[in-house]
Every structure is written in structure tokens, then in C-alpha cells.
C-alpha atoms as a PDB file:
ATOM      1  CA  MET A   1       0.225   0.082  -0.190  1.00  0.00           C
ATOM      2  CA  GLN A   2       1.376   3.194  -0.945  1.00  0.00           C
ATOM      3  CA  ALA A   3       1.598   6.340   1.175  1.00  0.00           C
ATOM      4  CA  PRO A   4      -0.976   9.142   0.303  1.00  0.00           C
ATOM      5  CA  GLN A   5       0.710  11.769  -2.056  1.00  0.00           C
ATOM      6  CA  PRO A   6       0.453  15.840  -0.652  1.00  0.00           C
ATOM      7  CA  ILE A   7      -1.979  17.612  -1.821  1.00  0.00           C
ATOM      8  CA  PRO A   8      -0.384  21.007  -3.775  1.00  0.00           C
ATOM      9  CA  ILE A   9      -2.040  24.055  -2.664  1.00  0.00           C
ATOM     10  CA  ASP A  10      -1.652  27.028  -4.409  1.00  0.00           C
ATOM     11  CA  PRO A  11      -1.403  29.984  -2.480  1.00  0.00           C
ATOM     12  CA  HIS A  12      -4.536  33.124  -3.361  1.00  0.00           C
ATOM     13  CA  TYR A  13      -4.010  36.592  -2.617  1.00  0.00           C
ATOM     14  CA  SER A  14      -5.954  39.401  -3.001  1.00  0.00           C
ATOM     15  CA  PRO A  15      -5.957  42.018  -6.080  1.00  0.00           C
ATOM     16  CA  GLN A  16      -4.481  44.691  -3.898  1.00  0.00           C
ATOM     17  CA  PHE A  17      -1.676  42.368  -3.334  1.00  0.00           C
ATOM     18  CA  TYR A  18      -1.080  42.123  -6.979  1.00  0.00           C
ATOM     19  CA  ALA A  19      -1.642  45.469  -7.684  1.00  0.00           C
ATOM     20  CA  GLU A  20       1.430  46.326  -5.235  1.00  0.00           C
ATOM     21  CA  LEU A  21       3.340  43.672  -6.669  1.00  0.00           C
ATOM     22  CA  TRP A  22       3.049  44.872 -10.429  1.00  0.00           C
ATOM     23  CA  GLY A  23       2.459  48.866  -9.739  1.00  0.00           C
ATOM     24  CA  MET A  24      -0.764  48.772 -11.062  1.00  0.00           C
ATOM     25  CA  SER A  25      -4.473  49.454  -9.908  1.00  0.00           C
ATOM     26  CA  ALA A  26      -6.529  46.957  -8.039  1.00  0.00           C
ATOM     27  CA  SER A  27      -9.239  48.068 -10.209  1.00  0.00           C
ATOM     28  CA  THR A  28      -6.866  46.643 -13.130  1.00  0.00           C
ATOM     29  CA  VAL A  29      -6.112  43.595 -11.637  1.00  0.00           C
ATOM     30  CA  VAL A  30      -9.812  42.975 -10.680  1.00  0.00           C
ATOM     31  CA  ARG A  31     -10.962  43.501 -14.357  1.00  0.00           C
ATOM     32  CA  TRP A  32      -7.915  40.967 -15.596  1.00  0.00           C
ATOM     33  CA  PHE A  33      -9.183  38.593 -13.519  1.00  0.00           C
ATOM     34  CA  GLN A  34     -12.911  38.797 -12.728  1.00  0.00           C
ATOM     35  CA  ASP A  35     -13.942  35.857 -14.887  1.00  0.00           C
ATOM     36  CA  MET A  36     -11.113  33.823 -15.096  1.00  0.00           C
ATOM     37  CA  GLU A  37     -11.473  30.025 -14.087  1.00  0.00           C
ATOM     38  CA  GLY A  38      -9.771  29.179 -10.723  1.00  0.00           C
ATOM     39  CA  VAL A  39     -10.398  32.485  -9.178  1.00  0.00           C
ATOM     40  CA  LEU A  40     -12.579  32.328  -5.816  1.00  0.00           C
ATOM     41  CA  LYS A  41     -14.928  34.829  -5.560  1.00  0.00           C
ATOM     42  CA  LEU A  42     -16.307  35.260  -1.721  1.00  0.00           C
ATOM     43  CA  ASN A  43     -19.333  36.946  -1.717  1.00  0.00           C
ATOM     44  CA  LYS A  44     -20.102  39.772   1.463  1.00  0.00           C
ATOM     45  CA  PRO A  45     -23.874  39.689   2.028  1.00  0.00           C
ATOM     46  CA  ALA A  46     -25.366  43.653   1.611  1.00  0.00           C
ATOM     47  CA  LYS A  47     -25.954  45.428   4.834  1.00  0.00           C
ATOM     48  CA  ASN A  48     -27.750  48.164   5.471  1.00  0.00           C
ATOM     49  CA  GLY A  49     -29.127  48.740   1.886  1.00  0.00           C
ATOM     50  CA  ARG A  50     -26.127  48.700   0.104  1.00  0.00           C
ATOM     51  CA  ARG A  51     -25.323  46.478  -2.339  1.00  0.00           C
ATOM     52  CA  SER A  52     -23.380  43.129  -1.935  1.00  0.00           C
ATOM     53  CA  ARG A  53     -19.500  42.927  -2.688  1.00  0.00           C
ATOM     54  CA  VAL A  54     -17.438  40.016  -4.288  1.00  0.00           C
ATOM     55  CA  GLU A  55     -13.901  39.689  -3.486  1.00  0.00           C
ATOM     56  CA  LEU A  56     -11.473  37.754  -5.368  1.00  0.00           C
ATOM     57  CA  ARG A  57      -8.690  35.714  -4.253  1.00  0.00           C
ATOM     58  CA  ILE A  58      -6.264  34.844  -7.349  1.00  0.00           C
ATOM     59  CA  PRO A  59      -4.259  31.691  -7.448  1.00  0.00           C
ATOM     60  CA  PHE A  60      -0.660  32.644  -7.595  1.00  0.00           C
ATOM     61  CA  SER A  61      -0.388  29.931 -10.669  1.00  0.00           C
ATOM     62  CA  VAL A  62      -3.029  31.779 -12.453  1.00  0.00           C
ATOM     63  CA  ALA A  63      -1.723  35.265 -11.761  1.00  0.00           C
ATOM     64  CA  MET A  64       1.570  34.369 -12.821  1.00  0.00           C
ATOM     65  CA  GLY A  65       0.759  32.886 -16.122  1.00  0.00           C
ATOM     66  CA  VAL A  66      -1.397  36.182 -16.894  1.00  0.00           C
ATOM     67  CA  TYR A  67       1.092  38.478 -15.867  1.00  0.00           C
ATOM     68  CA  ARG A  68       4.017  36.551 -18.308  1.00  0.00           C
ATOM     69  CA  GLU A  69       1.366  36.575 -21.028  1.00  0.00           C
ATOM     70  CA  ARG A  70       0.260  39.891 -21.037  1.00  0.00           C
ATOM     71  CA  SER A  71       3.840  41.307 -20.424  1.00  0.00           C
ATOM     72  CA  ARG A  72       5.110  39.345 -23.229  1.00  0.00           C
ATOM     73  CA  SER A  73       2.142  40.665 -25.501  1.00  0.00           C
ATOM     74  CA  ALA A  74       3.086  44.254 -24.347  1.00  0.00           C
ATOM     75  CA  ILE A  75       7.035  43.681 -25.699  1.00  0.00           C
ATOM     76  CA  GLU A  76       5.842  42.114 -28.702  1.00  0.00           C
END
């Protein structure tokens, strides 16, 4: 019988983290990733008549792939 294999866990970070890392606005990062597969969308319910909010958590591997792709296309 084989020992169970560890499950790789990809760390997830906020759009603000990537915005500071890449020197751009958090709203740009949100636009880039809001509809991507693998991005976690955390719903916060509405309070006191305010609209509900959705917070994103972006996997590091997904973010690096998108960043490489976008920075490569900017160079070409």
C-alpha cells in the first residue's frame, strides 16, 4: 500500500496584493481576473441597504501565467 501523496495547494492572494506587486491599480487586476477560471469569488452579503460585495482571491499560478502573457504581448 502506498502512502498518500500530498495535495499541492496554490496560495491565493487579493487583487490588492498583485496591484502592489506589479505597480498597477487594484481595479485593473480585478478586471483582468474577474471572469477567469480558478479565481475564488467570496460574496459578502449586503448590509443596511448597501449592495453586496464580491472579493476575489487569485491563485498565484494563474496570476503568474496571466502576467507573463500580458507582459510578453506588451513587449512584442
